Protein backbone atom coordinates (compact mmCIF):
# COMPACT_ATOMS: atom_id res chain seq x y z
CA MET A 1 -15.18 -37.14 -8.54
CA LEU A 2 -11.93 -36.52 -7.46
CA ASN A 3 -10.16 -39.29 -5.33
CA LEU A 4 -8.85 -38.57 -1.92
CA LYS A 5 -5.10 -37.96 -3.01
CA VAL A 6 -6.20 -35.54 -5.77
CA LYS A 7 -8.33 -33.61 -3.12
CA ALA A 8 -5.55 -33.60 -0.64
CA GLY A 9 -3.21 -32.44 -3.20
CA LEU A 10 -5.46 -29.52 -4.16
CA ALA A 11 -5.94 -28.72 -0.76
CA LEU A 12 -2.42 -28.54 0.08
CA ALA A 13 -1.59 -26.53 -2.99
CA VAL A 14 -4.26 -23.97 -2.04
CA LEU A 15 -2.77 -23.75 1.52
CA LEU A 16 0.73 -23.04 0.12
CA LEU A 17 -0.59 -20.38 -2.28
CA ALA A 18 -2.46 -18.70 0.69
CA ALA A 19 0.84 -18.73 2.87
CA SER A 20 2.62 -16.93 -0.38
CA LEU A 21 0.09 -14.13 -0.76
CA LEU A 22 1.09 -12.40 2.43
CA SER A 23 3.23 -9.68 0.68
CA CYS A 24 6.10 -8.09 2.80
CA ALA A 25 6.31 -11.56 4.62
CA SER A 26 6.85 -11.37 8.45
CA GLY A 27 5.10 -12.31 11.52
CA GLY A 28 4.32 -10.51 14.91
CA THR A 29 6.69 -9.64 17.75
CA LYS A 30 6.08 -8.87 21.54
CA PRO A 31 4.55 -5.53 22.44
CA LEU A 32 7.21 -2.78 21.96
CA PRO A 33 8.35 -0.43 24.68
CA LEU A 34 6.33 2.84 25.08
CA ASN A 35 9.67 4.86 25.66
CA MET A 36 11.20 3.91 22.59
CA PRO A 37 12.99 6.70 20.71
CA VAL A 38 11.09 8.93 18.27
CA VAL A 39 12.71 9.01 14.89
CA ARG A 40 10.21 11.09 12.97
CA ASP A 41 7.92 13.78 13.85
CA ILE A 42 4.46 13.08 12.90
CA SER A 43 3.17 16.50 13.93
CA ALA A 44 5.75 18.03 11.56
CA PHE A 45 4.58 15.63 8.95
CA TYR A 46 1.04 16.55 8.93
CA ASN A 47 1.93 20.24 9.52
CA ARG A 48 3.78 20.19 6.20
CA LEU A 49 1.08 18.85 4.32
CA ASP A 50 -1.94 20.75 6.04
CA ASN A 51 0.07 24.07 5.42
CA ALA A 52 0.50 23.02 1.76
CA VAL A 53 -3.32 22.36 0.99
CA ALA A 54 -4.68 25.07 3.50
CA PRO A 55 -4.91 27.66 0.67
CA GLN A 56 -6.54 25.31 -1.56
CA SER A 57 -10.32 24.66 -0.99
CA PHE A 58 -10.15 21.83 -3.29
CA ILE A 59 -8.06 19.63 -1.14
CA GLN A 60 -9.75 18.78 1.87
CA VAL A 61 -8.26 17.16 5.24
CA LYS A 62 -10.28 14.52 7.35
CA THR A 63 -9.18 12.47 10.28
CA LEU A 64 -10.23 8.92 9.85
CA GLY A 65 -9.37 8.06 13.54
CA GLU A 66 -6.84 8.41 16.14
CA VAL A 67 -4.22 5.84 17.16
CA VAL A 68 -3.42 5.70 20.76
CA TYR A 69 -0.76 4.04 22.90
CA GLY A 70 -0.21 5.44 26.52
CA GLU A 71 0.57 9.13 25.87
CA TYR A 72 1.38 8.78 22.16
CA LYS A 73 -1.70 9.88 20.17
CA ALA A 74 -1.72 10.53 16.56
CA PRO A 75 -4.53 10.82 13.74
CA VAL A 76 -4.83 8.73 10.46
CA LYS A 77 -5.48 11.43 7.94
CA LEU A 78 -7.17 11.17 4.72
CA TYR A 79 -6.25 14.16 2.14
CA SER A 80 -9.12 14.20 -0.71
CA MET A 81 -9.32 16.04 -3.87
CA PHE A 82 -12.74 15.22 -5.39
CA ASN A 83 -15.85 16.58 -7.14
CA ARG A 84 -13.51 18.24 -9.71
CA SER A 85 -15.18 19.76 -12.83
CA GLY A 86 -14.87 16.86 -15.38
CA SER A 87 -13.77 14.29 -12.92
CA LYS A 88 -14.24 10.57 -14.20
CA TYR A 89 -12.27 8.33 -12.10
CA LYS A 90 -11.73 7.86 -8.47
CA VAL A 91 -8.27 6.87 -7.03
CA PHE A 92 -7.11 5.66 -3.56
CA LEU A 93 -3.27 5.90 -2.64
CA SER A 94 -1.84 4.71 0.49
CA GLY A 95 1.42 4.15 2.20
CA GLY A 96 2.98 3.95 5.79
CA ILE A 97 1.35 0.84 6.92
CA HIS A 98 4.82 -0.51 8.09
CA GLY A 99 6.58 2.14 9.70
CA ASN A 100 10.30 1.22 8.49
CA GLU A 101 9.03 1.72 4.98
CA PRO A 102 9.36 5.47 4.66
CA ALA A 103 9.44 5.95 0.73
CA GLY A 104 5.72 5.38 0.35
CA ALA A 105 4.67 8.02 3.11
CA GLU A 106 7.08 10.75 1.49
CA THR A 107 5.95 9.85 -2.21
CA LEU A 108 2.33 10.73 -1.14
CA ALA A 109 3.62 13.78 0.77
CA GLU A 110 5.21 14.91 -2.43
CA PHE A 111 2.27 13.94 -4.50
CA ILE A 112 -0.33 16.07 -2.17
CA GLU A 113 2.16 19.03 -2.45
CA LEU A 114 2.04 18.57 -6.38
CA LEU A 115 -1.72 18.64 -6.58
CA ALA A 116 -1.90 21.72 -4.15
CA ARG A 117 0.48 23.42 -6.52
CA ASP A 118 -1.08 22.18 -9.86
CA PRO A 119 -4.95 21.32 -9.40
CA SER A 120 -5.17 20.78 -12.96
CA LYS A 121 -2.86 17.50 -12.67
CA TYR A 122 -4.89 14.51 -13.88
CA GLY A 123 -7.91 16.83 -13.91
CA ASN A 124 -10.39 13.86 -14.77
CA ILE A 125 -9.32 11.93 -11.39
CA SER A 126 -10.58 12.22 -7.93
CA PHE A 127 -7.99 11.41 -5.23
CA GLU A 128 -8.13 10.05 -1.92
CA MET A 129 -4.82 9.64 -0.06
CA VAL A 130 -3.62 8.12 3.40
CA PRO A 131 0.22 8.70 3.37
CA ILE A 132 0.56 7.23 6.88
CA ILE A 133 -1.69 4.24 8.03
CA ASN A 134 0.31 3.13 10.89
CA PRO A 135 1.63 6.42 12.66
CA TRP A 136 3.26 4.92 15.70
CA ALA A 137 5.45 2.41 13.83
CA TRP A 138 6.35 5.30 11.32
CA SER A 139 7.24 7.65 14.27
CA HIS A 140 9.39 4.86 15.53
CA ASP A 141 10.83 3.56 12.39
CA VAL A 142 9.70 0.10 13.04
CA ARG A 143 7.44 -2.51 10.89
CA PHE A 144 4.88 -3.31 13.61
CA ASN A 145 2.49 -1.24 15.65
CA ARG A 146 3.09 -0.63 19.38
CA ASP A 147 1.37 -4.04 20.34
CA GLY A 148 3.82 -5.78 18.01
CA ARG A 149 1.20 -6.58 15.49
CA ASP A 150 1.60 -6.45 11.73
CA VAL A 151 -1.11 -4.30 10.74
CA ASN A 152 -0.87 -5.57 7.07
CA ARG A 153 -1.98 -9.08 8.29
CA ASP A 154 -5.00 -7.87 10.16
CA PHE A 155 -7.55 -7.00 7.37
CA ALA A 156 -9.71 -10.09 8.08
CA ALA A 157 -9.85 -10.02 11.87
CA LEU A 158 -9.68 -6.14 12.04
CA THR A 159 -8.28 -6.44 15.65
CA THR A 160 -5.71 -3.59 15.40
CA GLN A 161 -6.55 0.19 15.63
CA GLU A 162 -5.10 0.87 12.50
CA ALA A 163 -6.76 -1.63 10.39
CA LYS A 164 -10.17 -0.98 11.70
CA ILE A 165 -9.65 2.78 11.06
CA LEU A 166 -8.64 2.18 7.30
CA ALA A 167 -11.23 -0.71 6.60
CA GLY A 168 -13.99 1.32 8.28
CA TYR A 169 -13.62 4.12 6.02
CA LEU A 170 -12.83 1.62 2.62
CA GLN A 171 -16.10 -0.16 3.40
CA GLN A 172 -18.02 2.73 2.02
CA ASN A 173 -16.06 3.16 -1.07
CA ARG A 174 -15.03 1.87 -4.61
CA TYR A 175 -12.14 3.03 -6.82
CA ASP A 176 -11.11 2.78 -10.30
CA ILE A 177 -7.59 2.13 -8.95
CA MET A 178 -5.94 1.71 -5.63
CA ILE A 179 -1.99 1.93 -5.11
CA ASP A 180 -0.29 0.80 -2.03
CA HIS A 181 3.13 1.89 -1.42
CA HIS A 182 5.61 -0.55 0.45
CA GLU A 183 9.39 -1.26 0.73
CA ASP A 184 11.35 -4.46 1.25
CA PRO A 185 14.53 -4.87 3.51
CA ASP A 186 15.62 -7.99 2.00
CA ALA A 187 14.96 -7.46 -1.88
CA LYS A 188 17.88 -6.63 -4.19
CA GLY A 189 15.45 -4.82 -6.87
CA PHE A 190 12.13 -3.23 -7.07
CA TYR A 191 8.94 -5.18 -7.94
CA LEU A 192 5.10 -4.69 -8.44
CA TYR A 193 2.20 -6.79 -7.24
CA GLN A 194 -0.87 -6.89 -9.20
CA TYR A 195 -4.15 -8.79 -7.67
CA GLY A 196 -6.58 -10.77 -9.62
CA MET A 197 -6.07 -9.02 -12.88
CA PRO A 198 -5.92 -10.78 -16.11
CA ASP A 199 -3.82 -8.18 -17.91
CA GLN A 200 -0.14 -7.77 -17.22
CA SER A 201 0.77 -5.23 -20.03
CA LEU A 202 0.62 -2.13 -17.58
CA SER A 203 2.81 -3.63 -15.09
CA ARG A 204 5.33 -5.03 -17.50
CA LYS A 205 5.47 -1.47 -19.25
CA ILE A 206 6.28 0.13 -15.83
CA ILE A 207 8.97 -2.63 -14.97
CA GLN A 208 10.51 -2.41 -18.43
CA ALA A 209 10.67 1.61 -18.08
CA LEU A 210 12.35 1.47 -14.57
CA LYS A 211 14.81 -1.01 -15.86
CA GLY A 212 15.44 1.30 -18.54
CA ASP A 213 16.35 3.92 -16.00
CA GLY A 214 19.01 1.65 -14.53
CA TYR A 215 17.01 0.13 -11.54
CA PRO A 216 17.07 -3.65 -11.28
CA ALA A 217 14.00 -5.60 -11.14
CA GLU A 218 13.61 -8.28 -8.24
CA GLN A 219 14.10 -11.76 -9.51
CA ASP A 220 14.44 -13.67 -6.24
CA ILE A 221 11.26 -13.17 -4.02
CA LYS A 222 9.82 -16.46 -3.07
CA MET A 223 6.78 -17.10 -1.20
CA VAL A 224 6.13 -20.83 -1.39
CA THR A 225 4.35 -20.99 -4.62
CA LEU A 226 4.51 -17.41 -5.82
CA LYS A 227 7.41 -15.74 -6.74
CA THR A 228 8.81 -12.82 -9.00
CA ASP A 229 8.69 -13.11 -12.63
CA ASP A 230 11.09 -10.42 -13.75
CA GLY A 231 9.86 -7.93 -11.03
CA LEU A 232 5.90 -9.01 -10.93
CA ILE A 233 3.95 -10.89 -8.49
CA ASP A 234 0.68 -11.64 -10.28
CA ALA A 235 -1.51 -12.97 -7.33
CA PRO A 236 -4.67 -14.81 -8.44
CA MET A 237 -8.17 -13.81 -7.41
CA TRP A 238 -9.18 -17.46 -6.05
CA GLY A 239 -6.05 -17.30 -3.83
CA LEU A 240 -7.13 -14.02 -2.24
CA TRP A 241 -10.49 -15.29 -1.31
CA TYR A 242 -8.80 -18.17 0.20
CA MET A 243 -6.73 -15.73 2.40
CA ARG A 244 -9.88 -13.88 3.33
CA ALA A 245 -11.28 -17.25 4.45
CA SER A 246 -8.20 -18.37 6.29
CA GLY A 247 -8.30 -15.16 8.54
CA GLN A 248 -5.19 -13.09 7.64
CA ILE A 249 -5.13 -10.72 4.73
CA GLY A 250 -3.38 -7.46 3.81
CA SER A 251 -4.73 -4.09 2.91
CA ALA A 252 -4.15 -4.38 -0.78
CA ASN A 253 -5.78 -8.02 -0.78
CA TYR A 254 -8.85 -6.78 1.11
CA SER A 255 -8.93 -3.56 -1.42
CA ARG A 256 -8.98 -6.04 -4.30
CA LEU A 257 -11.85 -8.03 -2.63
CA TYR A 258 -13.79 -5.30 -1.72
CA ASN A 259 -13.00 -1.68 -3.16
CA SER A 260 -11.54 -2.00 -6.67
CA ASP A 261 -10.89 -4.21 -9.76
CA THR A 262 -7.40 -2.77 -10.15
CA VAL A 263 -4.92 -2.82 -7.25
CA HIS A 264 -1.30 -2.61 -7.36
CA THR A 265 1.45 -2.52 -4.59
CA ILE A 266 4.90 -0.87 -5.36
CA GLU A 267 7.88 -2.25 -3.62
CA THR A 268 11.53 -0.75 -3.29
CA PRO A 269 14.48 -2.21 -1.62
CA THR A 270 15.72 -0.31 1.13
CA ARG A 271 19.12 -0.82 0.25
CA LEU A 272 18.92 1.83 -2.45
CA GLU A 273 19.21 5.45 -1.65
CA LEU A 274 16.07 7.00 -0.23
CA LYS A 275 16.22 9.35 -3.51
CA ASP A 276 16.18 6.25 -5.81
CA ARG A 277 13.60 4.50 -4.00
CA LEU A 278 11.32 7.81 -4.31
CA THR A 279 12.03 7.95 -8.01
CA ILE A 280 10.92 4.49 -8.40
CA HIS A 281 7.52 4.87 -6.37
CA ARG A 282 6.86 8.27 -8.29
CA LYS A 283 7.50 6.96 -11.72
CA ALA A 284 5.43 3.64 -11.18
CA GLN A 285 2.73 5.68 -9.81
CA GLU A 286 2.89 8.20 -12.48
CA MET A 287 2.58 5.51 -15.27
CA MET A 288 -0.42 4.02 -13.44
CA LEU A 289 -2.34 7.26 -13.15
CA GLU A 290 -1.34 8.31 -16.78
CA ASP A 291 -2.83 5.05 -17.87
CA LEU A 292 -6.20 5.75 -16.37
CA HIS A 293 -6.15 9.64 -16.99
CA THR A 294 -5.76 8.91 -20.93
CA LYS A 295 -8.47 6.34 -21.04
């Protein structure tokens, strides 16, 4: 039997680790004004993608739900490429859960356009992609939704419109790999998360490749007990379950618990030019998909 001091120490360690697992760390804020200036046109973004996939019967578009704040209304759209001849694997790609992290949404937009042009790409993989989870925030270039909530903390309680929409769909599905795209305004370099995965080899291979391209790997992200190890944050599975029990969990953590054994988050520093951030997201995602494609 453990004595009380040991038990207390273990409980404290668990609590500290739980706090550290909140990727892209932040809190909430007050509700944001309805009349905030629109920075990006959500209709133009979706029209671009819908026009790209319209001639192709193999890419389908589905509205998972609608986000409504006053007069602002925007869908959360799912772009699917599935039931392909010879398809063996199923992948889910997501971005735009924080509206001031635009590289993820643009990476997925470009990838959807690539699949529309070249349907043979990754021919043994079926794809489901949500490029913008949080459309109000993306339109206004802010982290939070209009209610001032961080959607990426709401996948336990599911009180926000956006988390309900995404989780409601994910609950029906399992995937071979899930990749979530994020950015970090405080980081000096790129970094990756992997969740409850015993093997670091793919993550390390990606990090070394990006460093070889001249991009710096983040060394200084610290979240109580977890920190970057040369560009990698390796979150243990037991910590994810504790976070679930504590009532605050992000979309990638949720996905690892319920939807896939292989979940990655790609993070880029917003201090880099957008073209460089897109290159990092694109290459990291390509290497993850190529690893699955060639198995």
